[in-house]
Amino acid sequence: MSNTDEQIAAILARYGEAIEGNVWQVNGQAFIHHKALERIAALAKITFDPPTVLRAQRDEAVLLLVGRMGERVDWSVGEALVGVNYDVPRSEAVYVYAMAEKRAKDRVILKLIDLPDVASSEELVAERPPSSNENTPTSRSASESGIVGELKRHLDCAETVEAVIALMRSAKAQQRFAELAPAWKNKVRASAKARLVALGWTPKQAA
């Protein structure tokens, strides 16, 4: 069941955070600011094990991260691939490991605080989070980034190679995929591949 606005507000309130100014919707997908998740993690005393590097290249990083909150333990994968799910202006430096770490941490935090259907602002590609009075982006780019974020969240929750393949082949995913421009489709494909690799898939298995 997807987290409703009421559930999100109630959970954020436990950690002294308001839904206004921290959470916004893009095409039905709820996003939360990374800074808000950092504050929540500090208050909830969430700790992280050293990350496991699953993929390390000049323009790509995939990290597996385990987080702990009291007796609860959960994990997730963070990935960053320049030009696919990590767009960097020419004037800025590239930090694929930092981005992968932020995404992994945010995903773990959201799981531990029972907001698995909410996405971090770090999931948005080439889109800056809106200010508190911009809660309903209407541009095609924002709409497409919302679809990509939704598909990526489902991919992140897939726990087997077979589950990833089934998700990508499902009628709903194919319908959402058809709504995307080619560049966005490539981003989803890259995320699916990264998830497959994280789960132990190798190109030889595709034969």
N, C-alpha and C. Protein backbone atom coordinates (compact mmCIF):
# COMPACT_ATOMS: atom_id res chain seq x y z
N MET A 1 0.84 -1.20 0.00
CA MET A 1 0.00 0.00 0.00
C MET A 1 0.88 1.24 0.00
N SER A 2 0.57 2.18 -0.82
CA SER A 2 1.35 3.40 -0.90
C SER A 2 1.11 4.27 0.32
N ASN A 3 2.15 4.99 0.72
CA ASN A 3 2.01 5.92 1.83
C ASN A 3 1.12 7.08 1.42
N THR A 4 0.11 7.39 2.22
CA THR A 4 -0.77 8.52 1.95
C THR A 4 -0.16 9.77 2.57
N ASP A 5 -0.70 10.94 2.18
CA ASP A 5 -0.20 12.19 2.74
C ASP A 5 -0.34 12.20 4.26
N GLU A 6 -1.45 11.62 4.75
CA GLU A 6 -1.68 11.59 6.19
C GLU A 6 -0.63 10.73 6.89
N GLN A 7 -0.30 9.58 6.29
CA GLN A 7 0.71 8.70 6.89
C GLN A 7 2.08 9.37 6.86
N ILE A 8 2.40 10.01 5.74
CA ILE A 8 3.69 10.69 5.63
C ILE A 8 3.80 11.80 6.67
N ALA A 9 2.74 12.59 6.80
CA ALA A 9 2.74 13.70 7.77
C ALA A 9 2.91 13.18 9.19
N ALA A 10 2.21 12.08 9.50
CA ALA A 10 2.27 11.52 10.86
C ALA A 10 3.67 11.00 11.18
N ILE A 11 4.29 10.33 10.23
CA ILE A 11 5.62 9.78 10.45
C ILE A 11 6.66 10.89 10.56
N LEU A 12 6.57 11.89 9.69
CA LEU A 12 7.51 13.00 9.77
C LEU A 12 7.37 13.75 11.09
N ALA A 13 6.14 13.87 11.58
CA ALA A 13 5.90 14.59 12.83
C ALA A 13 6.61 13.92 14.01
N ARG A 14 6.80 12.61 13.95
CA ARG A 14 7.52 11.90 15.02
C ARG A 14 8.94 12.43 15.17
N TYR A 15 9.47 12.93 14.06
CA TYR A 15 10.86 13.38 14.06
C TYR A 15 10.96 14.90 13.95
N GLY A 16 9.85 15.58 14.26
CA GLY A 16 9.87 17.04 14.29
C GLY A 16 9.93 17.69 12.93
N GLU A 17 9.53 16.98 11.88
CA GLU A 17 9.55 17.52 10.53
C GLU A 17 8.12 17.69 10.01
N ALA A 18 7.90 18.77 9.28
CA ALA A 18 6.58 19.02 8.69
C ALA A 18 6.57 18.53 7.25
N ILE A 19 5.40 18.11 6.79
CA ILE A 19 5.29 17.67 5.40
C ILE A 19 5.41 18.86 4.46
N GLU A 20 4.89 20.03 4.88
CA GLU A 20 4.98 21.24 4.07
C GLU A 20 6.43 21.68 3.96
N GLY A 21 6.88 21.92 2.75
CA GLY A 21 8.24 22.38 2.53
C GLY A 21 9.26 21.27 2.43
N ASN A 22 8.89 20.06 2.86
CA ASN A 22 9.80 18.93 2.80
C ASN A 22 9.38 17.88 1.77
N VAL A 23 8.08 17.79 1.51
CA VAL A 23 7.56 16.74 0.63
C VAL A 23 6.74 17.37 -0.48
N TRP A 24 6.88 16.85 -1.70
CA TRP A 24 6.09 17.33 -2.82
C TRP A 24 5.79 16.15 -3.74
N GLN A 25 4.84 16.35 -4.63
CA GLN A 25 4.40 15.30 -5.53
C GLN A 25 4.82 15.58 -6.97
N VAL A 26 5.26 14.55 -7.67
CA VAL A 26 5.53 14.61 -9.10
C VAL A 26 4.84 13.42 -9.74
N ASN A 27 3.77 13.70 -10.46
CA ASN A 27 3.04 12.65 -11.16
C ASN A 27 2.63 11.51 -10.22
N GLY A 28 2.19 11.86 -9.04
CA GLY A 28 1.71 10.86 -8.09
C GLY A 28 2.79 10.27 -7.20
N GLN A 29 4.05 10.57 -7.46
CA GLN A 29 5.15 10.07 -6.63
C GLN A 29 5.55 11.13 -5.62
N ALA A 30 5.61 10.75 -4.35
CA ALA A 30 6.02 11.68 -3.30
C ALA A 30 7.54 11.70 -3.19
N PHE A 31 8.09 12.91 -3.11
CA PHE A 31 9.53 13.10 -2.93
C PHE A 31 9.78 13.90 -1.65
N ILE A 32 10.89 13.60 -0.99
CA ILE A 32 11.26 14.31 0.23
C ILE A 32 12.69 14.82 0.11
N HIS A 33 12.94 16.00 0.67
CA HIS A 33 14.26 16.60 0.58
C HIS A 33 15.30 15.75 1.31
N HIS A 34 16.47 15.64 0.70
CA HIS A 34 17.57 14.89 1.27
C HIS A 34 17.97 15.43 2.65
N LYS A 35 17.99 16.75 2.79
CA LYS A 35 18.37 17.35 4.07
C LYS A 35 17.42 16.95 5.19
N ALA A 36 16.13 16.83 4.86
CA ALA A 36 15.15 16.41 5.87
C ALA A 36 15.46 14.99 6.33
N LEU A 37 15.85 14.13 5.39
CA LEU A 37 16.18 12.75 5.75
C LEU A 37 17.45 12.69 6.60
N GLU A 38 18.40 13.56 6.34
CA GLU A 38 19.60 13.62 7.17
C GLU A 38 19.27 14.00 8.61
N ARG A 39 18.36 14.98 8.75
CA ARG A 39 17.96 15.39 10.11
C ARG A 39 17.21 14.26 10.81
N ILE A 40 16.36 13.57 10.08
CA ILE A 40 15.60 12.46 10.67
C ILE A 40 16.55 11.34 11.10
N ALA A 41 17.53 11.02 10.25
CA ALA A 41 18.48 9.96 10.58
C ALA A 41 19.25 10.28 11.85
N ALA A 42 19.63 11.54 12.01
CA ALA A 42 20.37 11.95 13.21
C ALA A 42 19.49 11.82 14.45
N LEU A 43 18.23 12.26 14.34
CA LEU A 43 17.32 12.19 15.48
C LEU A 43 16.97 10.75 15.83
N ALA A 44 16.80 9.91 14.80
CA ALA A 44 16.43 8.51 15.03
C ALA A 44 17.64 7.65 15.37
N LYS A 45 18.85 8.25 15.37
CA LYS A 45 20.09 7.55 15.68
C LYS A 45 20.33 6.37 14.73
N ILE A 46 20.05 6.62 13.45
CA ILE A 46 20.30 5.59 12.43
C ILE A 46 21.80 5.56 12.13
N THR A 47 22.37 4.38 12.12
CA THR A 47 23.78 4.22 11.80
C THR A 47 23.91 3.34 10.55
N PHE A 48 25.07 3.44 9.90
CA PHE A 48 25.28 2.69 8.67
C PHE A 48 26.58 1.90 8.76
N ASP A 49 26.54 0.69 8.22
CA ASP A 49 27.76 -0.10 8.09
C ASP A 49 28.58 0.46 6.94
N PRO A 50 29.87 0.18 6.90
CA PRO A 50 30.66 0.60 5.74
C PRO A 50 30.04 0.03 4.46
N PRO A 51 29.94 0.80 3.41
CA PRO A 51 29.28 0.32 2.20
C PRO A 51 30.10 -0.75 1.49
N THR A 52 29.38 -1.62 0.79
CA THR A 52 30.01 -2.62 -0.07
C THR A 52 29.98 -2.10 -1.50
N VAL A 53 31.12 -2.01 -2.13
CA VAL A 53 31.19 -1.49 -3.50
C VAL A 53 30.86 -2.62 -4.47
N LEU A 54 29.76 -2.48 -5.19
CA LEU A 54 29.35 -3.48 -6.15
C LEU A 54 29.86 -3.18 -7.56
N ARG A 55 30.06 -1.90 -7.82
CA ARG A 55 30.56 -1.49 -9.14
C ARG A 55 31.34 -0.20 -8.95
N ALA A 56 32.53 -0.15 -9.52
CA ALA A 56 33.38 1.03 -9.36
C ALA A 56 34.08 1.35 -10.68
N GLN A 57 33.64 2.42 -11.31
CA GLN A 57 34.26 2.90 -12.53
C GLN A 57 34.38 4.41 -12.46
N ARG A 58 35.03 4.98 -13.44
CA ARG A 58 35.26 6.42 -13.42
C ARG A 58 33.96 7.20 -13.36
N ASP A 59 32.97 6.80 -14.15
CA ASP A 59 31.71 7.54 -14.23
C ASP A 59 30.53 6.78 -13.64
N GLU A 60 30.81 5.74 -12.88
CA GLU A 60 29.71 4.95 -12.32
C GLU A 60 30.10 4.35 -10.98
N ALA A 61 29.15 4.34 -10.06
CA ALA A 61 29.34 3.70 -8.76
C ALA A 61 28.04 3.05 -8.33
N VAL A 62 28.14 1.84 -7.80
CA VAL A 62 26.98 1.13 -7.25
C VAL A 62 27.39 0.62 -5.88
N LEU A 63 26.67 1.04 -4.85
CA LEU A 63 27.01 0.69 -3.48
C LEU A 63 25.86 -0.02 -2.78
N LEU A 64 26.19 -1.04 -1.99
CA LEU A 64 25.23 -1.71 -1.13
C LEU A 64 25.44 -1.21 0.28
N LEU A 65 24.36 -0.77 0.93
CA LEU A 65 24.49 -0.16 2.26
C LEU A 65 23.48 -0.75 3.23
N VAL A 66 23.97 -1.06 4.42
CA VAL A 66 23.12 -1.59 5.50
C VAL A 66 22.96 -0.51 6.55
N GLY A 67 21.72 -0.28 6.99
CA GLY A 67 21.45 0.71 8.02
C GLY A 67 20.79 0.07 9.23
N ARG A 68 20.99 0.69 10.39
CA ARG A 68 20.46 0.14 11.65
C ARG A 68 19.78 1.24 12.46
N MET A 69 18.60 0.92 12.98
CA MET A 69 17.86 1.83 13.85
C MET A 69 17.34 1.01 15.01
N GLY A 70 18.05 1.07 16.14
CA GLY A 70 17.69 0.21 17.25
C GLY A 70 17.92 -1.24 16.86
N GLU A 71 16.88 -2.07 16.99
CA GLU A 71 16.99 -3.47 16.61
C GLU A 71 16.63 -3.72 15.16
N ARG A 72 16.20 -2.69 14.47
CA ARG A 72 15.82 -2.84 13.07
C ARG A 72 17.04 -2.72 12.16
N VAL A 73 17.07 -3.57 11.15
CA VAL A 73 18.16 -3.56 10.17
C VAL A 73 17.56 -3.63 8.78
N ASP A 74 18.03 -2.79 7.87
CA ASP A 74 17.56 -2.86 6.49
C ASP A 74 18.70 -2.45 5.57
N TRP A 75 18.53 -2.71 4.29
CA TRP A 75 19.59 -2.41 3.33
C TRP A 75 19.00 -1.91 2.03
N SER A 76 19.86 -1.30 1.23
CA SER A 76 19.45 -0.87 -0.09
C SER A 76 20.69 -0.63 -0.94
N VAL A 77 20.45 -0.37 -2.22
CA VAL A 77 21.52 -0.13 -3.17
C VAL A 77 21.40 1.30 -3.68
N GLY A 78 22.52 1.98 -3.82
CA GLY A 78 22.54 3.31 -4.42
C GLY A 78 23.42 3.27 -5.65
N GLU A 79 22.95 3.87 -6.74
CA GLU A 79 23.72 3.85 -7.97
C GLU A 79 23.77 5.23 -8.60
N ALA A 80 24.85 5.51 -9.29
CA ALA A 80 25.01 6.77 -10.01
C ALA A 80 25.83 6.50 -11.26
N LEU A 81 25.27 6.86 -12.40
CA LEU A 81 25.95 6.68 -13.68
C LEU A 81 25.83 7.98 -14.46
N VAL A 82 26.95 8.63 -14.70
CA VAL A 82 26.97 9.92 -15.38
C VAL A 82 26.31 9.82 -16.75
N GLY A 83 25.39 10.75 -17.00
CA GLY A 83 24.72 10.79 -18.29
C GLY A 83 23.52 9.90 -18.39
N VAL A 84 23.28 9.08 -17.36
CA VAL A 84 22.12 8.18 -17.38
C VAL A 84 21.18 8.52 -16.23
N ASN A 85 21.63 8.34 -14.99
CA ASN A 85 20.79 8.72 -13.86
C ASN A 85 21.50 9.74 -12.96
N TYR A 86 22.54 10.35 -13.49
CA TYR A 86 23.28 11.38 -12.77
C TYR A 86 23.78 12.40 -13.78
N ASP A 87 23.04 13.49 -13.92
CA ASP A 87 23.39 14.53 -14.87
C ASP A 87 24.15 15.64 -14.15
N VAL A 88 25.29 16.01 -14.67
CA VAL A 88 26.15 17.00 -14.02
C VAL A 88 26.43 18.16 -14.97
N PRO A 89 26.09 19.39 -14.58
CA PRO A 89 26.43 20.54 -15.42
C PRO A 89 27.93 20.60 -15.66
N ARG A 90 28.33 21.13 -16.79
CA ARG A 90 29.76 21.17 -17.13
C ARG A 90 30.58 21.96 -16.13
N SER A 91 29.95 22.89 -15.44
CA SER A 91 30.68 23.72 -14.49
C SER A 91 30.89 23.04 -13.14
N GLU A 92 30.31 21.86 -12.96
CA GLU A 92 30.40 21.17 -11.67
C GLU A 92 31.24 19.90 -11.78
N ALA A 93 31.85 19.52 -10.66
CA ALA A 93 32.65 18.29 -10.63
C ALA A 93 31.73 17.08 -10.53
N VAL A 94 32.26 15.93 -10.89
CA VAL A 94 31.49 14.67 -10.86
C VAL A 94 31.87 13.90 -9.60
N TYR A 95 30.85 13.53 -8.83
CA TYR A 95 31.07 12.76 -7.60
C TYR A 95 30.12 11.56 -7.60
N VAL A 96 30.45 10.54 -8.39
CA VAL A 96 29.53 9.41 -8.52
C VAL A 96 29.40 8.63 -7.22
N TYR A 97 30.48 8.49 -6.46
CA TYR A 97 30.43 7.73 -5.22
C TYR A 97 29.59 8.45 -4.16
N ALA A 98 29.76 9.76 -4.09
CA ALA A 98 28.98 10.55 -3.14
C ALA A 98 27.50 10.47 -3.46
N MET A 99 27.15 10.56 -4.75
CA MET A 99 25.75 10.47 -5.15
C MET A 99 25.19 9.08 -4.87
N ALA A 100 25.96 8.05 -5.19
CA ALA A 100 25.50 6.68 -4.91
C ALA A 100 25.29 6.47 -3.42
N GLU A 101 26.20 7.03 -2.61
CA GLU A 101 26.07 6.89 -1.16
C GLU A 101 24.83 7.62 -0.64
N LYS A 102 24.60 8.83 -1.13
CA LYS A 102 23.43 9.58 -0.68
C LYS A 102 22.14 8.85 -1.04
N ARG A 103 22.08 8.32 -2.25
CA ARG A 103 20.87 7.60 -2.65
C ARG A 103 20.67 6.34 -1.82
N ALA A 104 21.75 5.61 -1.57
CA ALA A 104 21.63 4.40 -0.76
C ALA A 104 21.19 4.73 0.66
N LYS A 105 21.81 5.75 1.26
CA LYS A 105 21.44 6.13 2.63
C LYS A 105 19.99 6.58 2.70
N ASP A 106 19.57 7.42 1.76
CA ASP A 106 18.20 7.92 1.79
C ASP A 106 17.20 6.78 1.64
N ARG A 107 17.49 5.82 0.78
CA ARG A 107 16.58 4.69 0.59
C ARG A 107 16.48 3.85 1.86
N VAL A 108 17.62 3.66 2.54
CA VAL A 108 17.61 2.89 3.78
C VAL A 108 16.84 3.65 4.87
N ILE A 109 17.07 4.94 4.97
CA ILE A 109 16.36 5.75 5.97
C ILE A 109 14.85 5.64 5.75
N LEU A 110 14.43 5.79 4.50
CA LEU A 110 12.99 5.74 4.19
C LEU A 110 12.40 4.38 4.55
N LYS A 111 13.15 3.32 4.35
CA LYS A 111 12.67 1.99 4.74
C LYS A 111 12.55 1.87 6.26
N LEU A 112 13.58 2.34 6.96
CA LEU A 112 13.60 2.19 8.42
C LEU A 112 12.51 3.01 9.12
N ILE A 113 12.13 4.14 8.52
CA ILE A 113 11.08 4.96 9.15
C ILE A 113 9.70 4.67 8.56
N ASP A 114 9.62 3.58 7.80
CA ASP A 114 8.34 3.11 7.25
C ASP A 114 7.74 4.04 6.19
N LEU A 115 8.61 4.59 5.36
CA LEU A 115 8.15 5.38 4.21
C LEU A 115 8.77 4.81 2.92
N PRO A 116 8.58 3.51 2.65
CA PRO A 116 9.24 2.89 1.49
C PRO A 116 8.74 3.38 0.15
N ASP A 117 7.57 4.01 0.12
CA ASP A 117 7.02 4.46 -1.17
C ASP A 117 7.33 5.93 -1.46
N VAL A 118 8.06 6.57 -0.54
CA VAL A 118 8.48 7.95 -0.76
C VAL A 118 9.91 7.92 -1.30
N ALA A 119 10.23 8.82 -2.21
CA ALA A 119 11.57 8.87 -2.81
C ALA A 119 12.33 10.10 -2.35
N SER A 120 13.64 9.99 -2.29
CA SER A 120 14.49 11.11 -1.93
C SER A 120 14.62 12.08 -3.09
N SER A 121 14.87 13.33 -2.78
CA SER A 121 15.11 14.33 -3.82
C SER A 121 16.34 13.97 -4.65
N GLU A 122 17.23 13.14 -4.11
CA GLU A 122 18.42 12.73 -4.85
C GLU A 122 18.09 11.77 -5.99
N GLU A 123 16.86 11.27 -6.02
CA GLU A 123 16.45 10.37 -7.11
C GLU A 123 16.11 11.15 -8.38
N LEU A 124 15.82 12.43 -8.23
CA LEU A 124 15.46 13.23 -9.40
C LEU A 124 16.68 13.50 -10.24
N VAL A 125 16.54 13.36 -11.54
CA VAL A 125 17.64 13.57 -12.46
C VAL A 125 17.44 14.87 -13.21
N ALA A 126 18.42 15.76 -13.12
CA ALA A 126 18.37 17.06 -13.81
C ALA A 126 17.13 17.85 -13.42
N GLU A 127 16.66 17.65 -12.19
CA GLU A 127 15.51 18.39 -11.70
C GLU A 127 15.81 18.87 -10.31
N ARG A 128 15.73 20.14 -10.05
CA ARG A 128 15.94 20.64 -8.70
C ARG A 128 14.63 20.57 -7.93
N PRO A 129 14.70 20.17 -6.62
CA PRO A 129 13.48 20.13 -5.81
C PRO A 129 12.82 21.50 -5.78
N PRO A 130 11.49 21.53 -5.78
CA PRO A 130 10.79 22.81 -5.77
C PRO A 130 10.86 23.47 -4.42
N SER A 131 10.60 24.77 -4.38
CA SER A 131 10.48 25.45 -3.11
C SER A 131 9.17 25.03 -2.47
N SER A 132 8.95 25.44 -1.23
CA SER A 132 7.79 24.96 -0.48
C SER A 132 6.47 25.33 -1.10
N ASN A 133 6.43 26.34 -1.96
CA ASN A 133 5.17 26.74 -2.56
C ASN A 133 5.03 26.22 -3.99
N GLU A 134 5.91 25.25 -4.37
CA GLU A 134 5.84 24.66 -5.70
C GLU A 134 5.63 23.16 -5.55
N ASN A 135 4.43 22.77 -5.18
CA ASN A 135 4.16 21.38 -4.87
C ASN A 135 3.62 20.57 -6.03
N THR A 136 3.34 21.19 -7.17
CA THR A 136 2.75 20.45 -8.26
C THR A 136 3.42 20.81 -9.58
N PRO A 137 4.61 20.29 -9.86
CA PRO A 137 5.26 20.57 -11.14
C PRO A 137 4.39 20.05 -12.28
N THR A 138 4.30 20.83 -13.35
CA THR A 138 3.40 20.43 -14.43
C THR A 138 4.12 20.25 -15.76
N SER A 139 5.42 20.55 -15.83
CA SER A 139 6.13 20.43 -17.09
C SER A 139 6.29 18.97 -17.47
N ARG A 140 6.49 18.71 -18.79
CA ARG A 140 6.69 17.34 -19.25
C ARG A 140 7.92 16.74 -18.61
N SER A 141 9.00 17.54 -18.45
CA SER A 141 10.22 17.02 -17.85
C SER A 141 9.97 16.55 -16.43
N ALA A 142 9.26 17.34 -15.64
CA ALA A 142 8.95 16.95 -14.27
C ALA A 142 8.09 15.71 -14.24
N SER A 143 7.13 15.64 -15.17
CA SER A 143 6.26 14.47 -15.24
C SER A 143 7.05 13.21 -15.54
N GLU A 144 7.96 13.32 -16.51
CA GLU A 144 8.77 12.16 -16.88
C GLU A 144 9.72 11.76 -15.76
N SER A 145 10.29 12.75 -15.06
CA SER A 145 11.18 12.41 -13.96
C SER A 145 10.41 11.69 -12.86
N GLY A 146 9.12 12.02 -12.71
CA GLY A 146 8.29 11.34 -11.73
C GLY A 146 8.08 9.88 -12.10
N ILE A 147 7.86 9.62 -13.39
CA ILE A 147 7.69 8.25 -13.85
C ILE A 147 8.98 7.46 -13.63
N VAL A 148 10.10 8.08 -13.96
CA VAL A 148 11.39 7.42 -13.77
C VAL A 148 11.61 7.12 -12.29
N GLY A 149 11.30 8.08 -11.43
CA GLY A 149 11.45 7.87 -9.99
C GLY A 149 10.59 6.73 -9.49
N GLU A 150 9.36 6.66 -10.00
CA GLU A 150 8.44 5.59 -9.61
C GLU A 150 8.98 4.23 -10.02
N LEU A 151 9.43 4.12 -11.28
CA LEU A 151 9.96 2.85 -11.75
C LEU A 151 11.21 2.44 -10.98
N LYS A 152 12.07 3.42 -10.68
CA LYS A 152 13.29 3.13 -9.94
C LYS A 152 12.99 2.65 -8.53
N ARG A 153 11.97 3.21 -7.91
CA ARG A 153 11.62 2.77 -6.56
C ARG A 153 11.18 1.31 -6.57
N HIS A 154 10.39 0.95 -7.59
CA HIS A 154 9.95 -0.43 -7.71
C HIS A 154 11.14 -1.35 -7.98
N LEU A 155 12.07 -0.89 -8.80
CA LEU A 155 13.27 -1.69 -9.08
C LEU A 155 14.07 -1.89 -7.80
N ASP A 156 14.18 -0.86 -7.00
CA ASP A 156 14.96 -0.95 -5.77
C ASP A 156 14.36 -1.95 -4.79
N CYS A 157 13.04 -2.13 -4.87
CA CYS A 157 12.36 -3.06 -3.96
C CYS A 157 12.43 -4.51 -4.46
N ALA A 158 12.79 -4.70 -5.73
CA ALA A 158 12.90 -6.05 -6.27
C ALA A 158 14.09 -6.75 -5.63
N GLU A 159 13.89 -7.95 -5.13
CA GLU A 159 14.93 -8.63 -4.37
C GLU A 159 15.57 -9.78 -5.11
N THR A 160 15.13 -10.08 -6.35
CA THR A 160 15.74 -11.14 -7.14
C THR A 160 15.87 -10.67 -8.59
N VAL A 161 16.76 -11.32 -9.32
CA VAL A 161 16.93 -11.01 -10.74
C VAL A 161 15.61 -11.24 -11.47
N GLU A 162 14.94 -12.34 -11.12
CA GLU A 162 13.68 -12.66 -11.78
C GLU A 162 12.62 -11.60 -11.53
N ALA A 163 12.63 -11.03 -10.31
CA ALA A 163 11.65 -9.99 -9.97
C ALA A 163 11.88 -8.74 -10.80
N VAL A 164 13.15 -8.40 -11.03
CA VAL A 164 13.47 -7.22 -11.85
C VAL A 164 12.98 -7.44 -13.28
N ILE A 165 13.26 -8.62 -13.82
CA ILE A 165 12.84 -8.93 -15.19
C ILE A 165 11.32 -8.90 -15.32
N ALA A 166 10.64 -9.49 -14.32
CA ALA A 166 9.17 -9.51 -14.36
C ALA A 166 8.61 -8.11 -14.27
N LEU A 167 9.24 -7.27 -13.44
CA LEU A 167 8.77 -5.88 -13.31
C LEU A 167 8.90 -5.14 -14.63
N MET A 168 10.05 -5.25 -15.26
CA MET A 168 10.27 -4.54 -16.51
C MET A 168 9.37 -5.03 -17.63
N ARG A 169 8.92 -6.27 -17.54
CA ARG A 169 8.06 -6.83 -18.57
C ARG A 169 6.58 -6.69 -18.26
N SER A 170 6.25 -6.21 -17.06
CA SER A 170 4.85 -6.09 -16.67
C SER A 170 4.12 -5.07 -17.53
N ALA A 171 2.82 -5.25 -17.68
CA ALA A 171 2.02 -4.37 -18.52
C ALA A 171 2.04 -2.94 -18.00
N LYS A 172 1.99 -2.77 -16.67
CA LYS A 172 1.99 -1.43 -16.10
C LYS A 172 3.30 -0.71 -16.38
N ALA A 173 4.43 -1.44 -16.18
CA ALA A 173 5.73 -0.82 -16.41
C ALA A 173 5.90 -0.47 -17.88
N GLN A 174 5.44 -1.36 -18.75
CA GLN A 174 5.56 -1.09 -20.19
C GLN A 174 4.73 0.12 -20.59
N GLN A 175 3.57 0.27 -19.96
CA GLN A 175 2.72 1.43 -20.25
C GLN A 175 3.39 2.72 -19.81
N ARG A 176 3.98 2.71 -18.61
CA ARG A 176 4.67 3.88 -18.10
C ARG A 176 5.91 4.16 -18.94
N PHE A 177 6.60 3.09 -19.34
CA PHE A 177 7.81 3.21 -20.13
C PHE A 177 7.52 3.87 -21.47
N ALA A 178 6.35 3.54 -22.04
CA ALA A 178 5.98 4.07 -23.35
C ALA A 178 5.75 5.58 -23.31
N GLU A 179 5.50 6.13 -22.12
CA GLU A 179 5.24 7.56 -21.99
C GLU A 179 6.52 8.39 -21.99
N LEU A 180 7.67 7.72 -21.92
CA LEU A 180 8.93 8.43 -21.74
C LEU A 180 9.62 8.74 -23.06
N ALA A 181 10.36 9.82 -23.07
CA ALA A 181 11.22 10.15 -24.20
C ALA A 181 12.41 9.19 -24.19
N PRO A 182 13.10 9.03 -25.32
CA PRO A 182 14.22 8.08 -25.40
C PRO A 182 15.27 8.26 -24.30
N ALA A 183 15.63 9.50 -23.99
CA ALA A 183 16.66 9.72 -22.97
C ALA A 183 16.23 9.19 -21.61
N TRP A 184 14.95 9.39 -21.27
CA TRP A 184 14.44 8.89 -19.99
C TRP A 184 14.35 7.36 -20.00
N LYS A 185 14.01 6.78 -21.16
CA LYS A 185 13.97 5.32 -21.26
C LYS A 185 15.35 4.74 -20.98
N ASN A 186 16.38 5.40 -21.48
CA ASN A 186 17.74 4.93 -21.24
C ASN A 186 18.09 4.98 -19.76
N LYS A 187 17.58 5.98 -19.06
CA LYS A 187 17.83 6.08 -17.63
C LYS A 187 17.20 4.91 -16.88
N VAL A 188 15.98 4.53 -17.28
CA VAL A 188 15.31 3.41 -16.63
C VAL A 188 16.05 2.12 -16.93
N ARG A 189 16.45 1.94 -18.18
CA ARG A 189 17.19 0.73 -18.55
C ARG A 189 18.48 0.62 -17.73
N ALA A 190 19.17 1.75 -17.57
CA ALA A 190 20.42 1.75 -16.80
C ALA A 190 20.16 1.39 -15.34
N SER A 191 19.07 1.90 -14.79
CA SER A 191 18.72 1.58 -13.40
C SER A 191 18.39 0.10 -13.25
N ALA A 192 17.67 -0.44 -14.23
CA ALA A 192 17.32 -1.86 -14.19
C ALA A 192 18.58 -2.71 -14.27
N LYS A 193 19.51 -2.32 -15.15
CA LYS A 193 20.76 -3.07 -15.28
C LYS A 193 21.57 -3.00 -14.00
N ALA A 194 21.63 -1.80 -13.40
CA ALA A 194 22.38 -1.65 -12.15
C ALA A 194 21.79 -2.51 -11.05
N ARG A 195 20.45 -2.59 -11.02
CA ARG A 195 19.79 -3.42 -10.00
C ARG A 195 20.08 -4.89 -10.25
N LEU A 196 20.06 -5.31 -11.52
CA LEU A 196 20.37 -6.69 -11.87
C LEU A 196 21.79 -7.06 -11.44
N VAL A 197 22.73 -6.15 -11.73
CA VAL A 197 24.12 -6.39 -11.36
C VAL A 197 24.25 -6.49 -9.84
N ALA A 198 23.54 -5.63 -9.14
CA ALA A 198 23.59 -5.64 -7.67
C ALA A 198 23.07 -6.96 -7.11
N LEU A 199 22.16 -7.59 -7.83
CA LEU A 199 21.56 -8.85 -7.38
C LEU A 199 22.33 -10.07 -7.88
N GLY A 200 23.45 -9.84 -8.55
CA GLY A 200 24.28 -10.96 -8.97
C GLY A 200 24.19 -11.34 -10.43
N TRP A 201 23.41 -10.58 -11.19
CA TRP A 201 23.27 -10.89 -12.62
C TRP A 201 24.53 -10.50 -13.37
N THR A 202 24.89 -11.30 -14.37
CA THR A 202 26.01 -10.98 -15.25
C THR A 202 25.53 -11.05 -16.69
N PRO A 203 26.18 -10.34 -17.61
CA PRO A 203 25.76 -10.37 -19.02
C PRO A 203 25.65 -11.77 -19.60
N LYS A 204 26.44 -12.72 -19.07
CA LYS A 204 26.39 -14.08 -19.61
C LYS A 204 25.02 -14.70 -19.41
N GLN A 205 24.31 -14.26 -18.36
CA GLN A 205 22.99 -14.82 -18.08
C GLN A 205 21.97 -14.41 -19.13
N ALA A 206 22.28 -13.34 -19.89
CA ALA A 206 21.32 -12.87 -20.87
C ALA A 206 21.28 -13.78 -22.08
N ALA A 207 22.31 -14.62 -22.26
CA ALA A 207 22.38 -15.51 -23.43
C ALA A 207 21.37 -16.62 -23.32
